[in-house]
Amino acid sequence: MEPQFVNVAAFSSKFRTKREIFTFLAVDGEAYLPPFETVTVYFLKDIIQGQKKCKYPYFVLTIAVVSTHAVRHLPVPQYPNLSMEKILDYLSQYEAMHLHMPSERHEIVKLPRAWVINVGASVVGQPFVE
């Protein structure tokens, strides 16, 4: 698929609400996003503007992305000493993870554990898996 370029005015005239932006990214762009209820419109707009990344095959606004089909799904048991806080602390040492996560801490803590782990396994790779 050839990239298509869209200016900001054309995009904002078509996609105005959080639901419309989310649907465009998740359905048309095949983005691997957390559930709708856990993201904010600001995180979605950061993705659109290229300030944040997500998992895509291709994208209209020249954002570097990876196919949702290439997302690495990592089953992680619920160990008592493996909290989300520890997982997020470990992932925060990788600069690439900052580009795939919301900027605000209160947004990050709402993300599902499975999504964080899958994105960590896809972005960081083998160091995170081990």
Protein backbone atom coordinates (compact mmCIF):
# COMPACT_ATOMS: atom_id res chain seq x y z
CA MET A 1 0.00 0.00 0.00
CA GLU A 2 1.38 3.36 -1.00
CA PRO A 3 1.43 6.02 1.72
CA GLN A 4 -1.11 8.76 1.34
CA PHE A 5 -0.53 12.22 2.68
CA VAL A 6 -3.25 14.20 4.39
CA ASN A 7 -2.96 17.73 5.68
CA VAL A 8 -4.13 18.64 9.16
CA ALA A 9 -7.19 20.55 7.97
CA ALA A 10 -8.46 17.62 5.90
CA PHE A 11 -7.91 15.17 8.76
CA SER A 12 -9.54 17.35 11.41
CA SER A 13 -12.54 18.02 9.17
CA LYS A 14 -13.25 14.29 8.94
CA PHE A 15 -12.24 13.02 12.40
CA ARG A 16 -13.41 15.17 15.29
CA THR A 17 -14.30 12.97 18.25
CA LYS A 18 -12.27 10.50 20.28
CA ARG A 19 -14.39 7.64 18.91
CA GLU A 20 -13.81 8.69 15.28
CA ILE A 21 -10.04 9.02 15.76
CA PHE A 22 -9.86 5.71 17.66
CA THR A 23 -11.89 3.92 14.99
CA PHE A 24 -9.72 5.33 12.22
CA LEU A 25 -6.51 4.26 13.94
CA ALA A 26 -7.76 0.83 15.06
CA VAL A 27 -9.84 -0.19 12.05
CA ASP A 28 -8.44 1.62 9.02
CA GLY A 29 -4.87 1.78 10.27
CA GLU A 30 -4.93 -1.62 12.01
CA ALA A 31 -3.29 -0.02 15.06
CA TYR A 32 -2.65 -2.10 18.15
CA LEU A 33 -4.21 0.21 20.73
CA PRO A 34 -5.38 -0.31 24.29
CA PRO A 35 -9.16 -0.48 24.82
CA PHE A 36 -11.13 2.66 23.96
CA GLU A 37 -12.04 3.35 27.60
CA THR A 38 -8.40 3.49 28.68
CA VAL A 39 -7.06 6.04 26.19
CA THR A 40 -7.58 9.77 26.07
CA VAL A 41 -8.18 11.89 23.02
CA TYR A 42 -4.83 13.59 23.79
CA PHE A 43 -2.92 10.31 23.45
CA LEU A 44 -4.71 9.59 20.16
CA LYS A 45 -3.90 13.07 18.87
CA ASP A 46 -0.26 12.60 19.89
CA ILE A 47 -0.21 9.45 17.74
CA ILE A 48 -1.75 11.31 14.80
CA GLN A 49 0.72 14.19 15.15
CA GLY A 50 3.66 11.79 15.28
CA GLN A 51 4.64 12.64 18.86
CA LYS A 52 3.76 9.10 19.96
CA LYS A 53 3.93 5.80 18.12
CA CYS A 54 1.69 2.78 17.99
CA LYS A 55 1.75 -0.56 16.26
CA TYR A 56 0.71 -0.19 12.58
CA PRO A 57 1.37 -1.68 9.17
CA TYR A 58 1.39 1.68 7.37
CA PHE A 59 0.03 5.06 8.09
CA VAL A 60 -1.20 8.13 6.32
CA LEU A 61 0.87 10.68 8.22
CA THR A 62 4.29 9.05 7.75
CA ILE A 63 4.41 7.70 11.29
CA ALA A 64 6.87 4.87 11.83
CA VAL A 65 4.77 1.86 12.70
CA VAL A 66 4.59 -1.96 12.75
CA SER A 67 1.73 -4.24 11.68
CA THR A 68 -0.77 -5.34 14.31
CA HIS A 69 -0.20 -8.81 12.94
CA ALA A 70 3.46 -8.49 13.95
CA VAL A 71 2.70 -7.58 17.57
CA ARG A 72 4.35 -10.08 19.84
CA HIS A 73 1.84 -11.51 22.30
CA LEU A 74 3.52 -12.63 25.49
CA PRO A 75 1.57 -14.63 28.08
CA VAL A 76 2.70 -13.60 31.55
CA PRO A 77 1.39 -15.37 34.63
CA GLN A 78 0.15 -13.33 37.57
CA TYR A 79 3.17 -13.58 39.87
CA PRO A 80 2.62 -11.81 43.20
CA ASN A 81 6.00 -10.04 42.99
CA LEU A 82 5.55 -8.95 39.33
CA SER A 83 3.40 -5.86 39.64
CA MET A 84 2.49 -3.41 36.90
CA GLU A 85 4.63 -0.86 38.72
CA LYS A 86 7.71 -3.08 38.34
CA ILE A 87 6.92 -3.80 34.69
CA LEU A 88 6.49 -0.09 33.92
CA ASP A 89 9.67 0.80 35.83
CA TYR A 90 11.64 -1.76 33.81
CA LEU A 91 10.19 -0.60 30.49
CA SER A 92 10.81 3.06 31.29
CA GLN A 93 14.56 2.55 30.87
CA TYR A 94 13.99 2.05 27.12
CA GLU A 95 13.57 5.32 25.23
CA ALA A 96 11.50 3.61 22.51
CA MET A 97 8.83 2.72 25.07
CA HIS A 98 8.24 6.39 25.87
CA LEU A 99 7.13 6.88 22.27
CA HIS A 100 4.52 4.12 22.52
CA MET A 101 2.99 5.02 25.89
CA PRO A 102 0.82 7.96 26.95
CA SER A 103 2.75 10.87 28.45
CA GLU A 104 0.72 11.21 31.62
CA ARG A 105 1.17 8.70 34.46
CA HIS A 106 -2.56 8.68 35.25
CA GLU A 107 -3.20 7.51 31.67
CA ILE A 108 -0.53 4.80 31.84
CA VAL A 109 -1.91 3.18 35.00
CA LYS A 110 -5.28 2.66 33.25
CA LEU A 111 -3.72 0.57 30.48
CA PRO A 112 -4.40 -3.17 30.54
CA ARG A 113 -1.51 -5.32 31.76
CA ALA A 114 -1.63 -7.49 28.61
CA TRP A 115 -1.37 -4.47 26.30
CA VAL A 116 1.64 -3.07 28.19
CA ILE A 117 3.38 -6.46 28.12
CA ASN A 118 2.64 -7.02 24.42
CA VAL A 119 3.90 -3.58 23.46
CA GLY A 120 6.98 -4.09 25.64
CA ALA A 121 7.71 -7.44 23.98
CA SER A 122 7.20 -5.93 20.51
CA VAL A 123 9.20 -2.74 21.04
CA VAL A 124 11.98 -3.82 23.40
CA GLY A 125 12.17 -7.40 22.18
CA GLN A 126 14.31 -10.11 23.68
CA PRO A 127 15.66 -8.18 26.71
CA PHE A 128 12.08 -7.72 27.94
CA VAL A 129 11.02 -11.28 27.15
CA GLU A 130 13.86 -12.71 29.21
